[in-house]
PDB file of N, CA and C in Angstrom:
ATOM      1  N   MET A   1    -107.133  49.344  25.734  1.00  0.00           N
ATOM      2  CA  MET A   1    -106.349  49.457  24.522  1.00  0.00           C
ATOM      3  C   MET A   1    -106.914  48.485  23.484  1.00  0.00           C
ATOM      4  N   THR A   2    -107.056  48.940  22.271  1.00  0.00           N
ATOM      5  CA  THR A   2    -107.651  48.142  21.212  1.00  0.00           C
ATOM      6  C   THR A   2    -106.716  47.022  20.756  1.00  0.00           C
ATOM      7  N   SER A   3    -107.286  45.946  20.250  1.00  0.00           N
ATOM      8  CA  SER A   3    -106.528  44.781  19.800  1.00  0.00           C
ATOM      9  C   SER A   3    -105.854  45.037  18.464  1.00  0.00           C
ATOM     10  N   LEU A   4    -104.788  44.283  18.215  1.00  0.00           N
ATOM     11  CA  LEU A   4    -104.066  44.329  16.946  1.00  0.00           C
ATOM     12  C   LEU A   4    -104.585  43.219  16.045  1.00  0.00           C
ATOM     13  N   PHE A   5    -104.677  43.507  14.741  1.00  0.00           N
ATOM     14  CA  PHE A   5    -105.217  42.560  13.771  1.00  0.00           C
ATOM     15  C   PHE A   5    -104.336  42.479  12.542  1.00  0.00           C
ATOM     16  N   THR A   6    -104.372  41.321  11.871  1.00  0.00           N
ATOM     17  CA  THR A   6    -103.877  41.212  10.505  1.00  0.00           C
ATOM     18  C   THR A   6    -105.111  41.118   9.622  1.00  0.00           C
ATOM     19  N   VAL A   7    -105.024  41.684   8.426  1.00  0.00           N
ATOM     20  CA  VAL A   7    -106.141  41.666   7.492  1.00  0.00           C
ATOM     21  C   VAL A   7    -105.634  41.153   6.148  1.00  0.00           C
ATOM     22  N   SER A   8    -106.258  40.077   5.652  1.00  0.00           N
ATOM     23  CA  SER A   8    -105.930  39.527   4.336  1.00  0.00           C
ATOM     24  C   SER A   8    -106.828  40.167   3.293  1.00  0.00           C
ATOM     25  N   ILE A   9    -106.199  40.642   2.213  1.00  0.00           N
ATOM     26  CA  ILE A   9    -106.925  41.296   1.124  1.00  0.00           C
ATOM     27  C   ILE A   9    -106.335  40.777  -0.180  1.00  0.00           C
ATOM     28  N   SER A  10    -107.129  40.067  -0.987  1.00  0.00           N
ATOM     29  CA  SER A  10    -106.603  39.607  -2.275  1.00  0.00           C
ATOM     30  C   SER A  10    -106.937  40.645  -3.338  1.00  0.00           C
ATOM     31  N   CYS A  11    -105.955  40.879  -4.228  1.00  0.00           N
ATOM     32  CA  CYS A  11    -106.092  41.877  -5.289  1.00  0.00           C
ATOM     33  C   CYS A  11    -105.879  41.231  -6.648  1.00  0.00           C
ATOM     34  N   ALA A  12    -106.419  41.856  -7.674  1.00  0.00           N
ATOM     35  CA  ALA A  12    -106.374  41.308  -9.027  1.00  0.00           C
ATOM     36  C   ALA A  12    -104.968  41.292  -9.621  1.00  0.00           C
ATOM     37  N   ASN A  13    -104.139  42.273  -9.250  1.00  0.00           N
ATOM     38  CA  ASN A  13    -102.807  42.364  -9.847  1.00  0.00           C
ATOM     39  C   ASN A  13    -101.914  43.219  -8.957  1.00  0.00           C
ATOM     40  N   LEU A  14    -100.636  43.279  -9.304  1.00  0.00           N
ATOM     41  CA  LEU A  14     -99.662  44.009  -8.500  1.00  0.00           C
ATOM     42  C   LEU A  14     -99.960  45.503  -8.450  1.00  0.00           C
ATOM     43  N   GLU A  15    -100.385  46.079  -9.560  1.00  0.00           N
ATOM     44  CA  GLU A  15    -100.693  47.518  -9.588  1.00  0.00           C
ATOM     45  C   GLU A  15    -101.786  47.857  -8.570  1.00  0.00           C
ATOM     46  N   GLU A  16    -102.872  47.078  -8.590  1.00  0.00           N
ATOM     47  CA  GLU A  16    -103.956  47.313  -7.636  1.00  0.00           C
ATOM     48  C   GLU A  16    -103.474  47.091  -6.205  1.00  0.00           C
ATOM     49  N   ALA A  17    -102.716  46.026  -5.989  1.00  0.00           N
ATOM     50  CA  ALA A  17    -102.222  45.706  -4.647  1.00  0.00           C
ATOM     51  C   ALA A  17    -101.348  46.829  -4.094  1.00  0.00           C
ATOM     52  N   GLU A  18    -100.454  47.333  -4.915  1.00  0.00           N
ATOM     53  CA  GLU A  18     -99.583  48.414  -4.450  1.00  0.00           C
ATOM     54  C   GLU A  18    -100.360  49.695  -4.196  1.00  0.00           C
ATOM     55  N   ARG A  19    -101.370  49.977  -5.014  1.00  0.00           N
ATOM     56  CA  ARG A  19    -102.203  51.165  -4.808  1.00  0.00           C
ATOM     57  C   ARG A  19    -102.949  51.066  -3.470  1.00  0.00           C
ATOM     58  N   VAL A  20    -103.541  49.913  -3.209  1.00  0.00           N
ATOM     59  CA  VAL A  20    -104.278  49.710  -1.954  1.00  0.00           C
ATOM     60  C   VAL A  20    -103.320  49.760  -0.768  1.00  0.00           C
ATOM     61  N   ALA A  21    -102.188  49.067  -0.874  1.00  0.00           N
ATOM     62  CA  ALA A  21    -101.220  49.028   0.225  1.00  0.00           C
ATOM     63  C   ALA A  21    -100.725  50.428   0.578  1.00  0.00           C
ATOM     64  N   ARG A  22    -100.343  51.182  -0.429  1.00  0.00           N
ATOM     65  CA  ARG A  22     -99.850  52.547  -0.182  1.00  0.00           C
ATOM     66  C   ARG A  22    -100.909  53.412   0.504  1.00  0.00           C
ATOM     67  N   ARG A  23    -102.130  53.339   0.015  1.00  0.00           N
ATOM     68  CA  ARG A  23    -103.202  54.168   0.582  1.00  0.00           C
ATOM     69  C   ARG A  23    -103.466  53.802   2.043  1.00  0.00           C
ATOM     70  N   LEU A  24    -103.487  52.509   2.347  1.00  0.00           N
ATOM     71  CA  LEU A  24    -103.745  52.088   3.728  1.00  0.00           C
ATOM     72  C   LEU A  24    -102.673  52.602   4.681  1.00  0.00           C
ATOM     73  N   VAL A  25    -101.420  52.566   4.243  1.00  0.00           N
ATOM     74  CA  VAL A  25    -100.333  53.041   5.100  1.00  0.00           C
ATOM     75  C   VAL A  25    -100.326  54.569   5.155  1.00  0.00           C
ATOM     76  N   GLU A  26    -100.480  55.235   4.003  1.00  0.00           N
ATOM     77  CA  GLU A  26    -100.495  56.707   3.978  1.00  0.00           C
ATOM     78  C   GLU A  26    -101.617  57.273   4.837  1.00  0.00           C
ATOM     79  N   ASP A  27    -102.784  56.626   4.808  1.00  0.00           N
ATOM     80  CA  ASP A  27    -103.942  57.104   5.577  1.00  0.00           C
ATOM     81  C   ASP A  27    -103.927  56.617   7.020  1.00  0.00           C
ATOM     82  N   ARG A  28    -102.847  55.948   7.409  1.00  0.00           N
ATOM     83  CA  ARG A  28    -102.683  55.435   8.778  1.00  0.00           C
ATOM     84  C   ARG A  28    -103.797  54.477   9.172  1.00  0.00           C
ATOM     85  N   LEU A  29    -104.240  53.698   8.199  1.00  0.00           N
ATOM     86  CA  LEU A  29    -105.214  52.639   8.461  1.00  0.00           C
ATOM     87  C   LEU A  29    -104.512  51.309   8.695  1.00  0.00           C
ATOM     88  N   ALA A  30    -103.250  51.229   8.304  1.00  0.00           N
ATOM     89  CA  ALA A  30    -102.415  50.056   8.549  1.00  0.00           C
ATOM     90  C   ALA A  30    -101.004  50.517   8.870  1.00  0.00           C
ATOM     91  N   ALA A  31    -100.371  49.831   9.810  1.00  0.00           N
ATOM     92  CA  ALA A  31     -98.996  50.154  10.169  1.00  0.00           C
ATOM     93  C   ALA A  31     -98.033  49.629   9.115  1.00  0.00           C
ATOM     94  N   CYS A  32     -98.408  48.522   8.501  1.00  0.00           N
ATOM     95  CA  CYS A  32     -97.551  47.849   7.534  1.00  0.00           C
ATOM     96  C   CYS A  32     -98.449  47.004   6.641  1.00  0.00           C
ATOM     97  N   VAL A  33     -98.088  46.896   5.360  1.00  0.00           N
ATOM     98  CA  VAL A  33     -98.812  46.004   4.449  1.00  0.00           C
ATOM     99  C   VAL A  33     -97.775  45.219   3.652  1.00  0.00           C
ATOM    100  N   GLN A  34     -97.863  43.912   3.717  1.00  0.00           N
ATOM    101  CA  GLN A  34     -96.972  43.048   2.949  1.00  0.00           C
ATOM    102  C   GLN A  34     -97.687  42.584   1.694  1.00  0.00           C
ATOM    103  N   VAL A  35     -96.917  42.395   0.615  1.00  0.00           N
ATOM    104  CA  VAL A  35     -97.461  42.057  -0.696  1.00  0.00           C
ATOM    105  C   VAL A  35     -96.883  40.706  -1.130  1.00  0.00           C
ATOM    106  N   HIS A  36     -97.781  39.750  -1.447  1.00  0.00           N
ATOM    107  CA  HIS A  36     -97.362  38.394  -1.796  1.00  0.00           C
ATOM    108  C   HIS A  36     -98.096  37.910  -3.046  1.00  0.00           C
ATOM    109  N   PRO A  37     -97.378  37.424  -4.070  1.00  0.00           N
ATOM    110  CA  PRO A  37     -98.072  36.803  -5.209  1.00  0.00           C
ATOM    111  C   PRO A  37     -98.649  35.453  -4.782  1.00  0.00           C
ATOM    112  N   ILE A  38     -99.860  35.155  -5.232  1.00  0.00           N
ATOM    113  CA  ILE A  38    -100.519  33.891  -4.881  1.00  0.00           C
ATOM    114  C   ILE A  38    -101.271  33.330  -6.088  1.00  0.00           C
ATOM    115  N   ARG A  39    -101.662  32.082  -6.001  1.00  0.00           N
ATOM    116  CA  ARG A  39    -102.545  31.432  -6.974  1.00  0.00           C
ATOM    117  C   ARG A  39    -103.787  31.022  -6.202  1.00  0.00           C
ATOM    118  N   SER A  40    -104.963  31.476  -6.639  1.00  0.00           N
ATOM    119  CA  SER A  40    -106.213  31.213  -5.922  1.00  0.00           C
ATOM    120  C   SER A  40    -107.153  30.337  -6.735  1.00  0.00           C
ATOM    121  N   PHE A  41    -107.858  29.456  -6.043  1.00  0.00           N
ATOM    122  CA  PHE A  41    -108.938  28.645  -6.600  1.00  0.00           C
ATOM    123  C   PHE A  41    -110.168  28.936  -5.754  1.00  0.00           C
ATOM    124  N   TYR A  42    -111.292  29.263  -6.417  1.00  0.00           N
ATOM    125  CA  TYR A  42    -112.479  29.666  -5.668  1.00  0.00           C
ATOM    126  C   TYR A  42    -113.723  29.474  -6.541  1.00  0.00           C
ATOM    127  N   MET A  43    -114.865  29.423  -5.884  1.00  0.00           N
ATOM    128  CA  MET A  43    -116.141  29.349  -6.594  1.00  0.00           C
ATOM    129  C   MET A  43    -116.667  30.762  -6.794  1.00  0.00           C
ATOM    130  N   TRP A  44    -117.077  31.067  -8.016  1.00  0.00           N
ATOM    131  CA  TRP A  44    -117.690  32.363  -8.312  1.00  0.00           C
ATOM    132  C   TRP A  44    -118.811  32.131  -9.309  1.00  0.00           C
ATOM    133  N   GLN A  45    -120.019  32.515  -8.929  1.00  0.00           N
ATOM    134  CA  GLN A  45    -121.205  32.352  -9.770  1.00  0.00           C
ATOM    135  C   GLN A  45    -121.327  30.907 -10.260  1.00  0.00           C
ATOM    136  N   GLU A  46    -121.210  30.001  -9.287  1.00  0.00           N
ATOM    137  CA  GLU A  46    -121.395  28.561  -9.521  1.00  0.00           C
ATOM    138  C   GLU A  46    -120.346  27.937 -10.430  1.00  0.00           C
ATOM    139  N   LYS A  47    -119.193  28.572 -10.562  1.00  0.00           N
ATOM    140  CA  LYS A  47    -118.143  28.053 -11.429  1.00  0.00           C
ATOM    141  C   LYS A  47    -116.813  28.090 -10.686  1.00  0.00           C
ATOM    142  N   LEU A  48    -116.023  27.020 -10.838  1.00  0.00           N
ATOM    143  CA  LEU A  48    -114.688  26.996 -10.259  1.00  0.00           C
ATOM    144  C   LEU A  48    -113.785  27.937 -11.060  1.00  0.00           C
ATOM    145  N   GLU A  49    -113.181  28.865 -10.360  1.00  0.00           N
ATOM    146  CA  GLU A  49    -112.274  29.828 -10.975  1.00  0.00           C
ATOM    147  C   GLU A  49    -110.870  29.625 -10.421  1.00  0.00           C
ATOM    148  N   GLU A  50    -109.885  30.013 -11.192  1.00  0.00           N
ATOM    149  CA  GLU A  50    -108.512  30.064 -10.693  1.00  0.00           C
ATOM    150  C   GLU A  50    -107.869  31.313 -11.262  1.00  0.00           C
ATOM    151  N   ALA A  51    -107.009  31.919 -10.436  1.00  0.00           N
ATOM    152  CA  ALA A  51    -106.428  33.190 -10.854  1.00  0.00           C
ATOM    153  C   ALA A  51    -105.111  33.449 -10.138  1.00  0.00           C
ATOM    154  N   ASP A  52    -104.197  34.089 -10.842  1.00  0.00           N
ATOM    155  CA  ASP A  52    -103.019  34.648 -10.196  1.00  0.00           C
ATOM    156  C   ASP A  52    -103.470  35.960  -9.568  1.00  0.00           C
ATOM    157  N   GLU A  53    -103.240  36.082  -8.287  1.00  0.00           N
ATOM    158  CA  GLU A  53    -103.638  37.278  -7.557  1.00  0.00           C
ATOM    159  C   GLU A  53    -102.459  37.757  -6.721  1.00  0.00           C
ATOM    160  N   VAL A  54    -102.675  38.842  -6.019  1.00  0.00           N
ATOM    161  CA  VAL A  54    -101.681  39.366  -5.091  1.00  0.00           C
ATOM    162  C   VAL A  54    -102.371  39.520  -3.743  1.00  0.00           C
ATOM    163  N   LEU A  55    -101.787  38.896  -2.721  1.00  0.00           N
ATOM    164  CA  LEU A  55    -102.360  38.934  -1.378  1.00  0.00           C
ATOM    165  C   LEU A  55    -101.680  40.022  -0.555  1.00  0.00           C
ATOM    166  N   LEU A  56    -102.484  40.872   0.032  1.00  0.00           N
ATOM    167  CA  LEU A  56    -101.987  41.859   0.985  1.00  0.00           C
ATOM    168  C   LEU A  56    -102.227  41.336   2.388  1.00  0.00           C
ATOM    169  N   VAL A  57    -101.257  41.529   3.250  1.00  0.00           N
ATOM    170  CA  VAL A  57    -101.421  41.252   4.675  1.00  0.00           C
ATOM    171  C   VAL A  57    -101.160  42.569   5.383  1.00  0.00           C
ATOM    172  N   ALA A  58    -102.239  43.178   5.858  1.00  0.00           N
ATOM    173  CA  ALA A  58    -102.159  44.479   6.517  1.00  0.00           C
ATOM    174  C   ALA A  58    -102.207  44.291   8.025  1.00  0.00           C
ATOM    175  N   LYS A  59    -101.426  45.077   8.733  1.00  0.00           N
ATOM    176  CA  LYS A  59    -101.459  45.064  10.194  1.00  0.00           C
ATOM    177  C   LYS A  59    -102.147  46.334  10.658  1.00  0.00           C
ATOM    178  N   THR A  60    -103.178  46.171  11.491  1.00  0.00           N
ATOM    179  CA  THR A  60    -103.961  47.333  11.907  1.00  0.00           C
ATOM    180  C   THR A  60    -104.503  47.147  13.313  1.00  0.00           C
ATOM    181  N   LEU A  61    -105.218  48.145  13.768  1.00  0.00           N
ATOM    182  CA  LEU A  61    -105.883  48.116  15.063  1.00  0.00           C
ATOM    183  C   LEU A  61    -107.372  47.837  14.867  1.00  0.00           C
ATOM    184  N   GLU A  62    -107.965  47.222  15.847  1.00  0.00           N
ATOM    185  CA  GLU A  62    -109.402  46.936  15.784  1.00  0.00           C
ATOM    186  C   GLU A  62    -110.205  48.207  15.526  1.00  0.00           C
ATOM    187  N   SER A  63    -109.791  49.302  16.116  1.00  0.00           N
ATOM    188  CA  SER A  63    -110.507  50.575  15.972  1.00  0.00           C
ATOM    189  C   SER A  63    -110.460  51.126  14.549  1.00  0.00           C
ATOM    190  N   LYS A  64    -109.589  50.593  13.702  1.00  0.00           N
ATOM    191  CA  LYS A  64    -109.456  51.087  12.326  1.00  0.00           C
ATOM    192  C   LYS A  64    -110.061  50.145  11.292  1.00  0.00           C
ATOM    193  N   LEU A  65    -110.621  49.017  11.732  1.00  0.00           N
ATOM    194  CA  LEU A  65    -111.124  48.018  10.781  1.00  0.00           C
ATOM    195  C   LEU A  65    -112.227  48.557   9.878  1.00  0.00           C
ATOM    196  N   ASP A  66    -113.183  49.290  10.414  1.00  0.00           N
ATOM    197  CA  ASP A  66    -114.284  49.800   9.578  1.00  0.00           C
ATOM    198  C   ASP A  66    -113.771  50.762   8.507  1.00  0.00           C
ATOM    199  N   ALA A  67    -112.869  51.663   8.883  1.00  0.00           N
ATOM    200  CA  ALA A  67    -112.317  52.615   7.915  1.00  0.00           C
ATOM    201  C   ALA A  67    -111.440  51.896   6.888  1.00  0.00           C
ATOM    202  N   LEU A  68    -110.692  50.883   7.326  1.00  0.00           N
ATOM    203  CA  LEU A  68    -109.872  50.099   6.404  1.00  0.00           C
ATOM    204  C   LEU A  68    -110.765  49.393   5.393  1.00  0.00           C
ATOM    205  N   GLU A  69    -111.835  48.784   5.865  1.00  0.00           N
ATOM    206  CA  GLU A  69    -112.772  48.099   4.962  1.00  0.00           C
ATOM    207  C   GLU A  69    -113.343  49.073   3.932  1.00  0.00           C
ATOM    208  N   ALA A  70    -113.762  50.237   4.366  1.00  0.00           N
ATOM    209  CA  ALA A  70    -114.335  51.224   3.448  1.00  0.00           C
ATOM    210  C   ALA A  70    -113.308  51.667   2.412  1.00  0.00           C
ATOM    211  N   SER A  71    -112.072  51.856   2.839  1.00  0.00           N
ATOM    212  CA  SER A  71    -111.027  52.271   1.917  1.00  0.00           C
ATOM    213  C   SER A  71    -110.745  51.192   0.879  1.00  0.00           C
ATOM    214  N   VAL A  72    -110.629  49.943   1.313  1.00  0.00           N
ATOM    215  CA  VAL A  72    -110.380  48.845   0.385  1.00  0.00           C
ATOM    216  C   VAL A  72    -111.511  48.749  -0.629  1.00  0.00           C
ATOM    217  N   LYS A  73    -112.746  48.802  -0.169  1.00  0.00           N
ATOM    218  CA  LYS A  73    -113.887  48.705  -1.084  1.00  0.00           C
ATOM    219  C   LYS A  73    -113.885  49.841  -2.107  1.00  0.00           C
ATOM    220  N   ALA A  74    -113.485  51.025  -1.700  1.00  0.00           N
ATOM    221  CA  ALA A  74    -113.459  52.172  -2.617  1.00  0.00           C
ATOM    222  C   ALA A  74    -112.360  52.042  -3.669  1.00  0.00           C
ATOM    223  N   LEU A  75    -111.271  51.374  -3.324  1.00  0.00           N
ATOM    224  CA  LEU A  75    -110.114  51.274  -4.224  1.00  0.00           C
ATOM    225  C   LEU A  75    -110.093  49.997  -5.057  1.00  0.00           C
ATOM    226  N   HIS A  76    -110.850  49.004  -4.658  1.00  0.00           N
ATOM    227  CA  HIS A  76    -110.728  47.648  -5.191  1.00  0.00           C
ATOM    228  C   HIS A  76    -111.552  47.435  -6.455  1.00  0.00           C
ATOM    229  N   SER A  77    -111.056  46.577  -7.335  1.00  0.00           N
ATOM    230  CA  SER A  77    -111.755  46.286  -8.592  1.00  0.00           C
ATOM    231  C   SER A  77    -112.770  45.149  -8.471  1.00  0.00           C
ATOM    232  N   TYR A  78    -112.666  44.326  -7.430  1.00  0.00           N
ATOM    233  CA  TYR A  78    -113.574  43.179  -7.297  1.00  0.00           C
ATOM    234  C   TYR A  78    -114.945  43.607  -6.796  1.00  0.00           C
ATOM    235  N   GLU A  79    -115.976  42.925  -7.290  1.00  0.00           N
ATOM    236  CA  GLU A  79    -117.329  43.141  -6.800  1.00  0.00           C
ATOM    237  C   GLU A  79    -117.430  42.767  -5.321  1.00  0.00           C
ATOM    238  N   VAL A  80    -116.753  41.682  -4.950  1.00  0.00           N
ATOM    239  CA  VAL A  80    -116.736  41.212  -3.566  1.00  0.00           C
ATOM    240  C   VAL A  80    -115.275  40.989  -3.151  1.00  0.00           C
ATOM    241  N   PRO A  81    -114.599  42.026  -2.673  1.00  0.00           N
ATOM    242  CA  PRO A  81    -113.204  41.844  -2.283  1.00  0.00           C
ATOM    243  C   PRO A  81    -113.073  41.040  -0.988  1.00  0.00           C
ATOM    244  N   GLU A  82    -111.984  40.280  -0.912  1.00  0.00           N
ATOM    245  CA  GLU A  82    -111.661  39.565   0.328  1.00  0.00           C
ATOM    246  C   GLU A  82    -111.097  40.559   1.327  1.00  0.00           C
ATOM    247  N   ILE A  83    -111.748  40.661   2.476  1.00  0.00           N
ATOM    248  CA  ILE A  83    -111.246  41.470   3.585  1.00  0.00           C
ATOM    249  C   ILE A  83    -111.491  40.632   4.835  1.00  0.00           C
ATOM    250  N   VAL A  84    -110.453  39.902   5.279  1.00  0.00           N
ATOM    251  CA  VAL A  84    -110.591  38.953   6.384  1.00  0.00           C
ATOM    252  C   VAL A  84    -109.637  39.365   7.500  1.00  0.00           C
ATOM    253  N   ALA A  85    -110.192  39.727   8.644  1.00  0.00           N
ATOM    254  CA  ALA A  85    -109.388  40.189   9.772  1.00  0.00           C
ATOM    255  C   ALA A  85    -109.248  39.086  10.823  1.00  0.00           C
ATOM    256  N   THR A  86    -108.023  38.964  11.342  1.00  0.00           N
ATOM    257  CA  THR A  86    -107.713  37.976  12.378  1.00  0.00           C
ATOM    258  C   THR A  86    -107.008  38.683  13.525  1.00  0.00           C
ATOM    259  N   CYS A  87    -107.501  38.462  14.732  1.00  0.00           N
ATOM    260  CA  CYS A  87    -106.888  39.071  15.908  1.00  0.00           C
ATOM    261  C   CYS A  87    -105.517  38.442  16.148  1.00  0.00           C
ATOM    262  N   ILE A  88    -104.531  39.276  16.419  1.00  0.00           N
ATOM    263  CA  ILE A  88    -103.180  38.801  16.707  1.00  0.00           C
ATOM    264  C   ILE A  88    -103.140  38.338  18.166  1.00  0.00           C
ATOM    265  N   GLU A  89    -102.805  37.080  18.370  1.00  0.00           N
ATOM    266  CA  GLU A  89    -102.765  36.511  19.716  1.00  0.00           C
ATOM    267  C   GLU A  89    -101.498  36.882  20.477  1.00  0.00           C
ATOM    268  N   PHE A  90    -100.397  37.041  19.760  1.00  0.00           N
ATOM    269  CA  PHE A  90     -99.130  37.394  20.396  1.00  0.00           C
ATOM    270  C   PHE A  90     -98.346  38.315  19.479  1.00  0.00           C
ATOM    271  N   VAL A  91     -97.687  39.275  20.066  1.00  0.00           N
ATOM    272  CA  VAL A  91     -96.769  40.153  19.330  1.00  0.00           C
ATOM    273  C   VAL A  91     -95.679  40.579  20.307  1.00  0.00           C
ATOM    274  N   ASN A  92     -94.428  40.600  19.835  1.00  0.00           N
ATOM    275  CA  ASN A  92     -93.353  41.008  20.746  1.00  0.00           C
ATOM    276  C   ASN A  92     -93.525  42.481  21.115  1.00  0.00           C
ATOM    277  N   ALA A  93     -93.066  42.823  22.291  1.00  0.00           N
ATOM    278  CA  ALA A  93     -93.306  44.149  22.870  1.00  0.00           C
ATOM    279  C   ALA A  93     -92.760  45.272  22.000  1.00  0.00           C
ATOM    280  N   GLU A  94     -91.582  45.098  21.435  1.00  0.00           N
ATOM    281  CA  GLU A  94     -90.975  46.160  20.628  1.00  0.00           C
ATOM    282  C   GLU A  94     -91.782  46.416  19.353  1.00  0.00           C
ATOM    283  N   TYR A  95     -92.257  45.351  18.719  1.00  0.00           N
ATOM    284  CA  TYR A  95     -93.074  45.507  17.514  1.00  0.00           C
ATOM    285  C   TYR A  95     -94.397  46.179  17.862  1.00  0.00           C
ATOM    286  N   ALA A  96     -95.019  45.758  18.946  1.00  0.00           N
ATOM    287  CA  ALA A  96     -96.289  46.355  19.370  1.00  0.00           C
ATOM    288  C   ALA A  96     -96.128  47.844  19.656  1.00  0.00           C
ATOM    289  N   GLU A  97     -95.010  48.213  20.269  1.00  0.00           N
ATOM    290  CA  GLU A  97     -94.757  49.626  20.561  1.00  0.00           C
ATOM    291  C   GLU A  97     -94.635  50.426  19.266  1.00  0.00           C
ATOM    292  N   TRP A  98     -93.863  49.905  18.304  1.00  0.00           N
ATOM    293  CA  TRP A  98     -93.730  50.579  17.010  1.00  0.00           C
ATOM    294  C   TRP A  98     -95.095  50.673  16.316  1.00  0.00           C
ATOM    295  N   PHE A  99     -95.810  49.546  16.294  1.00  0.00           N
ATOM    296  CA  PHE A  99     -97.127  49.429  15.665  1.00  0.00           C
ATOM    297  C   PHE A  99     -98.047  50.546  16.157  1.00  0.00           C
ATOM    298  N   ARG A 100     -98.149  50.658  17.465  1.00  0.00           N
ATOM    299  CA  ARG A 100     -99.044  51.657  18.055  1.00  0.00           C
ATOM    300  C   ARG A 100     -98.528  53.083  17.839  1.00  0.00           C
ATOM    301  N   SER A 101     -97.214  53.258  17.693  1.00  0.00           N
ATOM    302  CA  SER A 101     -96.671  54.604  17.486  1.00  0.00           C
ATOM    303  C   SER A 101     -97.017  55.148  16.097  1.00  0.00           C
ATOM    304  N   VAL A 102     -97.170  54.276  15.102  1.00  0.00           N
ATOM    305  CA  VAL A 102     -97.503  54.743  13.755  1.00  0.00           C
ATOM    306  C   VAL A 102     -99.004  54.738  13.474  1.00  0.00           C
ATOM    307  N   LEU A 103     -99.772  54.128  14.362  1.00  0.00           N
ATOM    308  CA  LEU A 103    -101.236  54.101  14.204  1.00  0.00           C
ATOM    309  C   LEU A 103    -101.925  54.654  15.440  1.00  0.00           C
ATOM    310  N   PRO A 104    -101.888  55.950  15.636  1.00  0.00           N
ATOM    311  CA  PRO A 104    -102.604  56.516  16.785  1.00  0.00           C
ATOM    312  C   PRO A 104    -104.090  56.160  16.701  1.00  0.00           C
ATOM    313  N   GLU A 105    -104.630  55.657  17.789  1.00  0.00           N
ATOM    314  CA  GLU A 105    -106.031  55.209  17.782  1.00  0.00           C
ATOM    315  C   GLU A 105    -107.019  56.336  17.571  1.00  0.00           C
ATOM    316  N   ASP A 106    -106.669  57.529  17.968  1.00  0.00           N
ATOM    317  CA  ASP A 106    -107.618  58.635  17.902  1.00  0.00           C
ATOM    318  C   ASP A 106    -107.545  59.407  16.592  1.00  0.00           C
ATOM    319  N   GLN A 107    -106.718  58.949  15.654  1.00  0.00           N
ATOM    320  CA  GLN A 107    -106.576  59.688  14.396  1.00  0.00           C
ATOM    321  C   GLN A 107    -106.676  58.756  13.206  1.00  0.00           C
ATOM    322  N   ILE A 108    -107.345  59.232  12.185  1.00  0.00           N
ATOM    323  CA  ILE A 108    -107.334  58.582  10.882  1.00  0.00           C
ATOM    324  C   ILE A 108    -106.963  59.659   9.880  1.00  0.00           C
ATOM    325  N   TYR A 109    -105.900  59.426   9.139  1.00  0.00           N
ATOM    326  CA  TYR A 109    -105.404  60.401   8.178  1.00  0.00           C
ATOM    327  C   TYR A 109    -105.986  60.098   6.822  1.00  0.00           C
ATOM    328  N   GLU A 110    -106.696  61.039   6.240  1.00  0.00           N
ATOM    329  CA  GLU A 110    -107.261  60.865   4.905  1.00  0.00           C
ATOM    330  C   GLU A 110    -107.088  62.142   4.118  1.00  0.00           C
ATOM    331  N   GLU A 111    -107.014  62.004   2.797  1.00  0.00           N
ATOM    332  CA  GLU A 111    -106.893  63.172   1.926  1.00  0.00           C
ATOM    333  C   GLU A 111    -108.219  63.870   1.773  1.00  0.00           C
TER     334      GLU A 111
END
């Protein structure tokens, strides 16, 4: 059975974040996506930048990471979008059961 992951994705604004979140869930690439406003400080082209962004936290399966990455890149406005996946070390049994029920490993739903 494939591992469960959380994926952090920073977006330029709420509109972009909601568009990406909806697509990931509709296409069954993520079981759930949470949306959080954040303030980011980062280096870009040798310059310190700061920006109000929106952070997505997507829950997915290891088997869907490549398709999730491709979808985010296709929808995202950034030249280099943040797509950082972390393996979930623990999840309660009921949540894991729900998670796997909405993300069948053998199917990817796309338009």
